[in-house]
Amino acid sequence: MSAPIFLRPNVVLQPPLSRRGIGPGLFVFLPDHVTLSSGTIKPLDPDPVTKWAEEGFAVVGVTASGSISIDQILQQGLDALQALDQVDIKDRFAVIGMPTIHLSYM
């Protein structure tokens, strides 16, 4: 099992965790309350980064916390995915944005 690589405190690169061990790249943007896994705890329900890695993707997981621009995050993530030997498609990547819920009371 490949351990996640923290690119920044709020950005993690998780190589594929499938039996095949290689796959396409994926960015997953997550709400602040989601904790990026260190790979040492095995919860019953894995976090989104781990789950997508188990499905065969190399995942760059990003939480909204931090003071870095989206351009910098995308560039750093792209560089990391392109440098990763386990990424089999180097010129196309998927992006998933997890919605956050904003509640306001009047």
Protein backbone atom coordinates (compact mmCIF):
# COMPACT_ATOMS: atom_id res chain seq x y z
CA MET A 1 0.00 0.00 0.00
CA SER A 2 1.41 3.37 -1.04
CA ALA A 3 1.46 6.04 1.61
CA PRO A 4 0.01 9.47 0.83
CA ILE A 5 2.44 12.28 0.06
CA PHE A 6 1.62 15.67 1.58
CA LEU A 7 2.41 18.40 -0.95
CA ARG A 8 1.10 21.07 1.46
CA PRO A 9 -0.84 20.84 4.73
CA ASN A 10 -4.11 20.98 2.75
CA VAL A 11 -2.95 19.09 -0.38
CA VAL A 12 -2.20 15.36 -0.49
CA LEU A 13 -1.16 13.05 -3.33
CA GLN A 14 -2.34 9.45 -2.96
CA PRO A 15 -1.01 6.93 -5.50
CA PRO A 16 -3.47 4.27 -6.69
CA LEU A 17 -4.33 1.64 -4.08
CA SER A 18 -5.85 -0.88 -6.47
CA ARG A 19 -4.31 -4.26 -7.21
CA ARG A 20 -3.25 -3.02 -10.63
CA GLY A 21 -1.26 -0.18 -9.01
CA ILE A 22 -1.54 2.30 -11.87
CA GLY A 23 -4.30 4.56 -13.14
CA PRO A 24 -5.39 8.00 -14.28
CA GLY A 25 -5.04 11.19 -12.24
CA LEU A 26 -7.86 12.83 -10.32
CA PHE A 27 -8.23 16.07 -8.34
CA VAL A 28 -10.77 15.96 -5.49
CA PHE A 29 -11.68 19.29 -3.89
CA LEU A 30 -13.12 18.75 -0.41
CA PRO A 31 -14.76 20.88 2.27
CA ASP A 32 -12.65 22.08 5.21
CA HIS A 33 -14.12 19.59 7.67
CA VAL A 34 -12.73 16.58 5.76
CA THR A 35 -9.44 15.38 7.20
CA LEU A 36 -6.82 14.35 4.66
CA SER A 37 -5.73 10.88 5.70
CA SER A 38 -2.18 10.11 6.77
CA GLY A 39 -2.74 6.48 5.84
CA THR A 40 -2.11 5.23 9.38
CA ILE A 41 -5.75 4.97 10.51
CA LYS A 42 -8.11 2.53 8.80
CA PRO A 43 -11.65 3.80 9.35
CA LEU A 44 -14.70 1.76 8.48
CA ASP A 45 -15.64 4.22 5.72
CA PRO A 46 -12.54 5.59 3.98
CA ASP A 47 -12.20 9.28 3.21
CA PRO A 48 -12.87 10.35 -0.42
CA VAL A 49 -9.16 10.46 -1.34
CA THR A 50 -8.58 6.90 -0.15
CA LYS A 51 -11.81 5.65 -1.73
CA TRP A 52 -10.92 7.01 -5.18
CA ALA A 53 -7.37 5.63 -4.84
CA GLU A 54 -8.85 2.21 -4.03
CA GLU A 55 -10.76 2.49 -7.33
CA GLY A 56 -7.47 2.86 -9.20
CA PHE A 57 -6.95 6.61 -9.42
CA ALA A 58 -3.90 8.64 -8.43
CA VAL A 59 -5.61 11.33 -6.35
CA VAL A 60 -4.68 14.88 -5.44
CA GLY A 61 -6.94 15.71 -2.49
CA VAL A 62 -7.39 19.39 -1.62
CA THR A 63 -9.22 20.98 1.29
CA ALA A 64 -10.24 24.62 1.22
CA SER A 65 -8.07 25.57 4.20
CA GLY A 66 -4.83 27.33 3.43
CA SER A 67 -3.78 30.53 1.76
CA ILE A 68 -2.71 29.30 -1.66
CA SER A 69 -4.38 30.14 -4.94
CA ILE A 70 -6.22 27.55 -7.01
CA ASP A 71 -3.72 28.15 -9.81
CA GLN A 72 -0.84 27.19 -7.53
CA ILE A 73 -2.68 24.12 -6.24
CA LEU A 74 -3.51 22.95 -9.77
CA GLN A 75 0.05 23.50 -10.99
CA GLN A 76 1.60 21.70 -8.01
CA GLY A 77 -0.90 18.85 -8.32
CA LEU A 78 -0.36 18.52 -12.08
CA ASP A 79 3.41 18.47 -11.61
CA ALA A 80 3.10 15.79 -8.92
CA LEU A 81 0.73 13.62 -11.00
CA GLN A 82 2.90 13.88 -14.12
CA ALA A 83 5.99 12.92 -12.12
CA LEU A 84 4.27 9.91 -10.51
CA ASP A 85 5.21 6.62 -12.21
CA GLN A 86 1.82 5.10 -11.26
CA VAL A 87 -0.09 7.61 -13.45
CA ASP A 88 -0.72 6.00 -16.83
CA ILE A 89 -2.38 8.94 -18.65
CA LYS A 90 -0.22 12.05 -18.31
CA ASP A 91 -2.12 14.53 -20.50
CA ARG A 92 -5.69 14.40 -19.06
CA PHE A 93 -6.95 14.57 -15.48
CA ALA A 94 -10.40 14.52 -13.89
CA VAL A 95 -11.67 17.03 -11.33
CA ILE A 96 -14.36 16.48 -8.68
CA GLY A 97 -15.64 19.27 -6.45
CA MET A 98 -17.45 18.25 -3.30
CA PRO A 99 -20.24 20.71 -2.45
CA THR A 100 -20.27 22.43 0.87
CA ILE A 101 -23.45 23.25 2.72
CA HIS A 102 -23.94 26.80 3.91
CA LEU A 103 -26.75 27.31 6.38
CA SER A 104 -27.94 30.74 7.35
CA TYR A 105 -30.53 31.58 9.94
CA MET A 106 -32.71 34.66 9.74
